[in-house]
């Protein structure tokens, strides 16, 4: 199963200089931002495992500009239904008195 990342981005931290206006084939002008999701060397204090950056080329970077604008962490949903292996491994449930009285 693919790893799912969840998190948030701060839109006000995105450098405007990295946003590119592109004329699309349908004739509408749209704004694009090239991004990269990078795995952190260590988890942050909030459990974030990745960050998102607009990742300009080294020669295009400017001193004093923060290009990181979001944090992400892996999401592992808790299973709602037990697996077949868990059901098979579970001990049998004892019968209640009303179930013992059934005629079949």
N, C-alpha and C. Protein backbone atom coordinates (compact mmCIF):
# COMPACT_ATOMS: atom_id res chain seq x y z
N UNK A 1 0.85 -1.18 0.00
CA UNK A 1 0.00 0.00 0.00
C UNK A 1 0.89 1.24 0.00
N UNK A 2 0.52 2.24 -0.77
CA UNK A 2 1.29 3.47 -0.86
C UNK A 2 1.21 4.25 0.45
N UNK A 3 2.28 4.95 0.73
CA UNK A 3 2.34 5.76 1.93
C UNK A 3 1.56 7.05 1.69
N UNK A 4 0.71 7.41 2.62
CA UNK A 4 -0.10 8.62 2.50
C UNK A 4 0.47 9.67 3.43
N UNK A 5 0.65 10.87 2.91
CA UNK A 5 1.14 11.99 3.71
C UNK A 5 0.02 13.00 3.90
N UNK A 6 -0.10 13.51 5.13
CA UNK A 6 -1.07 14.55 5.42
C UNK A 6 -0.35 15.72 6.08
N UNK A 7 -0.89 16.89 5.99
CA UNK A 7 -0.28 18.04 6.63
C UNK A 7 -0.93 19.32 6.18
N UNK A 8 -0.15 20.39 6.28
CA UNK A 8 -0.69 21.69 5.90
C UNK A 8 0.41 22.52 5.27
N UNK A 9 -0.03 23.50 4.50
CA UNK A 9 0.90 24.45 3.90
C UNK A 9 0.46 25.85 4.29
N UNK A 10 1.43 26.74 4.37
CA UNK A 10 1.15 28.14 4.67
C UNK A 10 1.25 28.92 3.37
N UNK A 11 0.11 29.26 2.80
CA UNK A 11 0.09 29.94 1.50
C UNK A 11 0.79 31.29 1.54
N UNK A 12 0.75 31.97 2.68
CA UNK A 12 1.40 33.29 2.77
C UNK A 12 2.92 33.18 2.80
N UNK A 13 3.48 31.98 3.02
CA UNK A 13 4.93 31.79 3.03
C UNK A 13 5.49 31.45 1.65
N UNK A 14 4.65 31.29 0.66
CA UNK A 14 5.14 30.95 -0.68
C UNK A 14 5.68 32.22 -1.34
N UNK A 15 6.96 32.23 -1.72
CA UNK A 15 7.52 33.42 -2.37
C UNK A 15 6.82 33.69 -3.70
N UNK A 16 6.30 34.88 -3.89
CA UNK A 16 5.58 35.22 -5.12
C UNK A 16 6.47 35.06 -6.34
N UNK A 17 7.78 35.26 -6.16
CA UNK A 17 8.70 35.16 -7.29
C UNK A 17 8.75 33.74 -7.87
N UNK A 18 8.31 32.75 -7.11
CA UNK A 18 8.32 31.36 -7.57
C UNK A 18 7.04 30.97 -8.31
N UNK A 19 6.03 31.81 -8.22
CA UNK A 19 4.77 31.53 -8.91
C UNK A 19 4.89 31.94 -10.38
N UNK A 20 4.51 31.06 -11.26
CA UNK A 20 4.66 31.31 -12.70
C UNK A 20 3.29 31.35 -13.36
N UNK A 21 3.02 32.43 -14.12
CA UNK A 21 1.79 32.52 -14.90
C UNK A 21 2.02 31.80 -16.22
N UNK A 22 1.12 30.89 -16.52
CA UNK A 22 1.22 30.09 -17.73
C UNK A 22 -0.08 30.19 -18.51
N UNK A 23 0.02 30.42 -19.80
CA UNK A 23 -1.15 30.40 -20.67
C UNK A 23 -1.39 28.94 -21.07
N UNK A 24 -2.53 28.41 -20.68
CA UNK A 24 -2.85 27.01 -20.95
C UNK A 24 -3.48 26.85 -22.34
N UNK A 25 -3.54 25.61 -22.79
CA UNK A 25 -4.07 25.32 -24.12
C UNK A 25 -5.52 25.75 -24.29
N UNK A 26 -6.27 25.77 -23.16
CA UNK A 26 -7.68 26.17 -23.25
C UNK A 26 -7.86 27.69 -23.29
N UNK A 27 -6.73 28.44 -23.32
CA UNK A 27 -6.80 29.89 -23.42
C UNK A 27 -6.87 30.61 -22.09
N UNK A 28 -6.90 29.87 -20.98
CA UNK A 28 -6.97 30.49 -19.66
C UNK A 28 -5.56 30.59 -19.07
N UNK A 29 -5.31 31.71 -18.43
CA UNK A 29 -4.03 31.89 -17.76
C UNK A 29 -4.15 31.37 -16.33
N UNK A 30 -3.19 30.54 -15.93
CA UNK A 30 -3.21 29.95 -14.60
C UNK A 30 -1.85 30.16 -13.94
N UNK A 31 -1.86 30.11 -12.61
CA UNK A 31 -0.62 30.28 -11.84
C UNK A 31 -0.17 28.93 -11.32
N UNK A 32 1.09 28.58 -11.58
CA UNK A 32 1.66 27.31 -11.15
C UNK A 32 2.83 27.55 -10.21
N UNK A 33 3.10 26.54 -9.37
CA UNK A 33 4.23 26.56 -8.46
C UNK A 33 4.85 25.17 -8.48
N UNK A 34 6.11 25.09 -8.87
CA UNK A 34 6.80 23.80 -8.82
C UNK A 34 7.17 23.51 -7.37
N UNK A 35 6.88 22.30 -6.92
CA UNK A 35 7.13 21.93 -5.53
C UNK A 35 7.90 20.61 -5.46
N UNK A 36 8.46 20.38 -4.28
CA UNK A 36 9.11 19.11 -3.98
C UNK A 36 8.73 18.72 -2.56
N UNK A 37 8.48 17.44 -2.35
CA UNK A 37 8.24 16.90 -1.01
C UNK A 37 9.51 16.16 -0.62
N UNK A 38 10.09 16.57 0.51
CA UNK A 38 11.38 16.04 0.94
C UNK A 38 11.23 15.37 2.30
N UNK A 39 11.81 14.17 2.42
CA UNK A 39 11.78 13.46 3.70
C UNK A 39 12.80 14.08 4.66
N UNK A 40 12.38 14.32 5.89
CA UNK A 40 13.27 14.89 6.90
C UNK A 40 14.27 13.84 7.38
N UNK A 41 15.43 14.29 7.82
CA UNK A 41 16.43 13.38 8.39
C UNK A 41 15.94 12.84 9.72
N UNK A 42 15.24 13.69 10.50
CA UNK A 42 14.66 13.30 11.79
C UNK A 42 13.26 13.89 11.88
N UNK A 43 12.40 13.22 12.65
CA UNK A 43 11.05 13.75 12.86
C UNK A 43 11.12 15.07 13.60
N UNK A 44 10.19 15.97 13.29
CA UNK A 44 10.11 17.24 14.01
C UNK A 44 9.47 17.00 15.37
N UNK A 45 9.44 18.03 16.19
CA UNK A 45 8.83 17.89 17.53
C UNK A 45 7.34 17.59 17.44
N UNK A 46 6.73 17.85 16.28
CA UNK A 46 5.30 17.59 16.09
C UNK A 46 5.04 16.29 15.33
N UNK A 47 6.10 15.51 15.07
CA UNK A 47 5.95 14.24 14.38
C UNK A 47 5.97 14.34 12.86
N UNK A 48 6.32 15.52 12.34
CA UNK A 48 6.38 15.68 10.88
C UNK A 48 7.57 14.92 10.32
N UNK A 49 7.34 14.19 9.24
CA UNK A 49 8.37 13.36 8.63
C UNK A 49 8.83 13.90 7.29
N UNK A 50 8.11 14.87 6.73
CA UNK A 50 8.43 15.44 5.43
C UNK A 50 8.16 16.95 5.46
N UNK A 51 8.73 17.66 4.50
CA UNK A 51 8.38 19.06 4.32
C UNK A 51 8.17 19.32 2.84
N UNK A 52 7.48 20.42 2.54
CA UNK A 52 7.21 20.77 1.15
C UNK A 52 7.89 22.12 0.87
N UNK A 53 8.55 22.18 -0.26
CA UNK A 53 9.29 23.37 -0.64
C UNK A 53 9.04 23.67 -2.11
N UNK A 54 9.22 24.94 -2.49
CA UNK A 54 9.05 25.29 -3.90
C UNK A 54 10.32 25.00 -4.69
N UNK A 55 11.39 24.64 -4.01
CA UNK A 55 12.61 24.08 -4.60
C UNK A 55 13.13 24.78 -5.85
N UNK A 56 13.48 26.06 -5.74
CA UNK A 56 14.08 26.69 -6.91
C UNK A 56 15.48 26.13 -7.15
N UNK A 57 15.97 26.30 -8.35
CA UNK A 57 17.33 25.85 -8.66
C UNK A 57 18.32 26.65 -7.80
N UNK A 58 19.47 26.04 -7.50
CA UNK A 58 20.45 26.69 -6.62
C UNK A 58 20.82 28.09 -7.11
N UNK A 59 20.99 28.23 -8.41
CA UNK A 59 21.40 29.54 -8.94
C UNK A 59 20.29 30.58 -8.87
N UNK A 60 19.03 30.14 -8.64
CA UNK A 60 17.90 31.07 -8.56
C UNK A 60 17.54 31.45 -7.12
N UNK A 61 18.16 30.77 -6.13
CA UNK A 61 17.82 31.05 -4.74
C UNK A 61 18.36 32.40 -4.29
N UNK A 62 17.60 33.04 -3.40
CA UNK A 62 17.98 34.34 -2.87
C UNK A 62 18.20 34.21 -1.36
N UNK A 63 19.20 34.89 -0.85
CA UNK A 63 19.48 34.88 0.59
C UNK A 63 18.31 35.50 1.35
N UNK A 64 17.99 34.90 2.48
CA UNK A 64 16.93 35.43 3.34
C UNK A 64 15.53 35.01 2.95
N UNK A 65 15.38 34.22 1.90
CA UNK A 65 14.05 33.77 1.48
C UNK A 65 13.85 32.34 1.95
N UNK A 66 12.74 32.10 2.68
CA UNK A 66 12.41 30.75 3.16
C UNK A 66 11.57 30.06 2.09
N UNK A 67 12.09 28.99 1.53
CA UNK A 67 11.38 28.29 0.47
C UNK A 67 10.54 27.12 1.00
N UNK A 68 10.65 26.83 2.29
CA UNK A 68 9.84 25.76 2.89
C UNK A 68 8.52 26.38 3.36
N UNK A 69 7.40 25.80 2.95
CA UNK A 69 6.11 26.40 3.32
C UNK A 69 5.09 25.40 3.83
N UNK A 70 5.53 24.18 4.17
CA UNK A 70 4.58 23.22 4.71
C UNK A 70 5.26 22.03 5.34
N UNK A 71 4.53 21.36 6.22
CA UNK A 71 4.99 20.16 6.90
C UNK A 71 3.99 19.04 6.68
N UNK A 72 4.52 17.83 6.56
CA UNK A 72 3.69 16.65 6.33
C UNK A 72 4.13 15.52 7.25
N UNK A 73 3.22 14.62 7.53
CA UNK A 73 3.55 13.42 8.29
C UNK A 73 2.83 12.24 7.67
N UNK A 74 3.36 11.06 7.94
CA UNK A 74 2.73 9.86 7.40
C UNK A 74 1.44 9.61 8.16
N UNK A 75 0.46 9.10 7.44
CA UNK A 75 -0.84 8.81 8.04
C UNK A 75 -1.07 7.32 7.93
N UNK A 76 -1.28 6.70 9.06
CA UNK A 76 -1.56 5.27 9.12
C UNK A 76 -2.95 5.08 9.72
N UNK A 77 -3.97 4.91 8.88
CA UNK A 77 -5.32 4.76 9.42
C UNK A 77 -5.46 3.48 10.22
N UNK A 78 -6.24 3.56 11.25
CA UNK A 78 -6.52 2.37 12.06
C UNK A 78 -7.53 1.51 11.33
N UNK A 79 -7.28 0.22 11.22
CA UNK A 79 -8.24 -0.63 10.51
C UNK A 79 -9.56 -0.69 11.28
N UNK A 80 -10.66 -0.65 10.54
CA UNK A 80 -11.98 -0.68 11.14
C UNK A 80 -12.49 -2.10 11.34
N UNK A 81 -12.08 -3.01 10.46
CA UNK A 81 -12.54 -4.39 10.51
C UNK A 81 -11.34 -5.29 10.80
N UNK A 82 -11.51 -6.31 11.61
CA UNK A 82 -10.39 -7.22 11.85
C UNK A 82 -10.08 -8.02 10.58
N UNK A 83 -8.81 -8.35 10.40
CA UNK A 83 -8.41 -9.13 9.23
C UNK A 83 -8.81 -10.59 9.44
N UNK A 84 -8.75 -11.38 8.38
CA UNK A 84 -9.10 -12.81 8.48
C UNK A 84 -8.16 -13.51 9.45
N UNK A 85 -6.88 -13.10 9.46
CA UNK A 85 -5.92 -13.71 10.38
C UNK A 85 -6.26 -13.40 11.83
N UNK A 86 -6.70 -12.17 12.10
CA UNK A 86 -7.07 -11.79 13.46
C UNK A 86 -8.31 -12.56 13.92
N UNK A 87 -9.26 -12.78 13.02
CA UNK A 87 -10.47 -13.53 13.37
C UNK A 87 -10.11 -14.98 13.67
N UNK A 88 -9.27 -15.57 12.83
CA UNK A 88 -8.87 -16.97 13.03
C UNK A 88 -8.08 -17.15 14.32
N UNK A 89 -7.30 -16.14 14.71
CA UNK A 89 -6.45 -16.25 15.90
C UNK A 89 -7.21 -15.95 17.18
N UNK A 90 -8.40 -15.35 17.08
CA UNK A 90 -9.16 -14.98 18.27
C UNK A 90 -9.74 -16.22 18.94
N UNK A 91 -9.75 -16.25 20.28
CA UNK A 91 -10.35 -17.39 20.97
C UNK A 91 -11.86 -17.42 20.75
N UNK A 92 -12.46 -18.62 20.73
CA UNK A 92 -13.92 -18.69 20.52
C UNK A 92 -14.65 -18.03 21.67
N UNK A 93 -15.77 -17.39 21.33
CA UNK A 93 -16.56 -16.71 22.35
C UNK A 93 -17.48 -17.73 23.02
N UNK A 94 -17.59 -17.68 24.34
CA UNK A 94 -18.48 -18.63 25.03
C UNK A 94 -19.94 -18.33 24.70
N UNK A 95 -20.75 -19.37 24.71
CA UNK A 95 -22.18 -19.20 24.43
C UNK A 95 -22.89 -18.65 25.65
N UNK A 96 -23.87 -17.80 25.41
CA UNK A 96 -24.68 -17.28 26.50
C UNK A 96 -25.78 -18.30 26.82
N UNK A 97 -26.44 -18.10 27.94
CA UNK A 97 -27.51 -19.03 28.34
C UNK A 97 -28.62 -19.08 27.31
N UNK A 98 -28.99 -17.95 26.73
CA UNK A 98 -30.08 -17.94 25.76
C UNK A 98 -29.67 -18.71 24.50
N UNK A 99 -28.42 -18.68 24.12
CA UNK A 99 -27.96 -19.41 22.94
C UNK A 99 -27.92 -20.93 23.21
N UNK A 100 -27.68 -21.33 24.46
CA UNK A 100 -27.63 -22.75 24.80
C UNK A 100 -29.02 -23.39 24.73
N UNK A 101 -30.08 -22.59 24.91
CA UNK A 101 -31.45 -23.07 24.91
C UNK A 101 -32.06 -23.20 23.51
N UNK A 102 -31.34 -22.83 22.48
CA UNK A 102 -31.90 -22.89 21.14
C UNK A 102 -32.15 -24.34 20.74
N UNK A 103 -33.25 -24.62 20.05
CA UNK A 103 -33.61 -26.00 19.69
C UNK A 103 -32.79 -26.56 18.54
N UNK A 104 -31.93 -25.84 17.93
CA UNK A 104 -31.15 -26.38 16.80
C UNK A 104 -29.68 -26.26 17.06
